[in-house]
Amino acid sequence: MHRSLRFYTIALVLAAIAMPPAHAWAARSKKTEATQAPKKPAKVKVKRQRSSSAETPAERDRRLLRECKGLPNAGACLGYASR
């Protein structure tokens, strides 16, 4: 009985030595937060401008109506061949 008590006491002392105190963990977490990169600012939405050579939606509709006459209702002609 006395021998097992000594073994558990030694194991407890070794475990206490191996574990750092709580304030060491707090200092470590603060250090890692400080070394992290600063937060990036929110992304700004960029409004795309059309090229002067690009067709307008109305021009596209007219072109698709013209090109899709009599063609199967699939692909780019979806919804335009039945008009």
Protein backbone atom coordinates (compact mmCIF):
# COMPACT_ATOMS: atom_id res chain seq x y z
CA MET A 1 0.00 0.00 0.00
CA HIS A 2 2.76 2.40 0.93
CA ARG A 3 4.61 1.67 -2.33
CA SER A 4 1.59 2.48 -4.57
CA LEU A 5 1.02 5.74 -2.68
CA ARG A 6 4.61 6.77 -3.39
CA PHE A 7 4.18 5.88 -7.10
CA TYR A 8 1.01 8.01 -7.42
CA THR A 9 2.65 10.91 -5.58
CA ILE A 10 5.66 10.86 -7.93
CA ALA A 11 3.36 10.61 -10.97
CA LEU A 12 1.32 13.58 -9.74
CA VAL A 13 4.44 15.68 -9.15
CA LEU A 14 5.79 14.86 -12.62
CA ALA A 15 2.45 15.74 -14.22
CA ALA A 16 2.37 19.07 -12.36
CA ILE A 17 5.88 19.90 -13.55
CA ALA A 18 5.08 18.97 -17.15
CA MET A 19 1.96 21.18 -17.35
CA PRO A 20 2.57 24.93 -17.58
CA PRO A 21 0.54 27.22 -15.32
CA ALA A 22 -2.71 28.77 -16.57
CA HIS A 23 -1.23 32.26 -16.98
CA ALA A 24 1.37 30.79 -19.35
CA TRP A 25 -1.44 29.52 -21.59
CA ALA A 26 -3.09 32.95 -21.52
CA ALA A 27 0.18 34.66 -22.49
CA ARG A 28 0.71 32.15 -25.28
CA SER A 29 -2.76 32.78 -26.78
CA LYS A 30 -2.20 36.55 -26.65
CA LYS A 31 1.13 36.14 -28.39
CA THR A 32 -0.38 34.12 -31.24
CA GLU A 33 -3.17 36.67 -31.71
CA ALA A 34 -0.61 39.46 -31.93
CA THR A 35 1.48 37.61 -34.51
CA GLN A 36 -1.49 36.93 -36.80
CA ALA A 37 -1.95 39.12 -39.85
CA PRO A 38 -4.29 42.07 -39.36
CA LYS A 39 -7.84 41.67 -40.64
CA LYS A 40 -8.40 42.64 -44.24
CA PRO A 41 -10.93 45.37 -44.93
CA ALA A 42 -14.24 44.36 -46.47
CA LYS A 43 -14.16 43.90 -50.23
CA VAL A 44 -15.54 46.72 -52.30
CA LYS A 45 -17.97 45.75 -55.04
CA VAL A 46 -16.78 46.86 -58.44
CA LYS A 47 -19.44 47.83 -60.93
CA ARG A 48 -18.53 46.50 -64.35
CA GLN A 49 -18.77 48.85 -67.29
CA ARG A 50 -19.73 47.55 -70.68
CA SER A 51 -17.41 47.97 -73.58
CA SER A 52 -18.55 50.44 -76.18
CA SER A 53 -18.50 47.62 -78.73
CA ALA A 54 -20.72 45.29 -76.65
CA GLU A 55 -24.34 44.83 -77.67
CA THR A 56 -27.15 46.03 -75.46
CA PRO A 57 -29.76 43.59 -74.10
CA ALA A 58 -32.29 44.84 -76.66
CA GLU A 59 -29.84 44.31 -79.51
CA ARG A 60 -29.10 40.81 -78.20
CA ASP A 61 -32.81 39.94 -78.09
CA ARG A 62 -33.30 41.09 -81.69
CA ARG A 63 -30.22 39.16 -82.87
CA LEU A 64 -31.32 35.95 -81.15
CA LEU A 65 -34.85 36.24 -82.58
CA ARG A 66 -33.35 36.65 -86.02
CA GLU A 67 -30.76 33.85 -85.71
CA CYS A 68 -32.92 31.27 -83.91
CA LYS A 69 -35.85 31.11 -86.35
CA GLY A 70 -36.60 27.46 -87.11
CA LEU A 71 -33.81 26.11 -84.88
CA PRO A 72 -34.27 23.66 -82.02
CA ASN A 73 -35.11 25.25 -78.70
CA ALA A 74 -31.77 24.54 -77.03
CA GLY A 75 -28.55 26.30 -76.07
CA ALA A 76 -28.50 30.05 -76.73
CA CYS A 77 -31.81 29.76 -78.60
CA LEU A 78 -33.70 28.53 -75.54
CA GLY A 79 -36.93 30.50 -75.47
CA TYR A 80 -36.28 32.34 -78.74
CA ALA A 81 -37.13 29.64 -81.31
CA SER A 82 -40.78 29.49 -80.26
CA ARG A 83 -41.45 33.24 -80.69
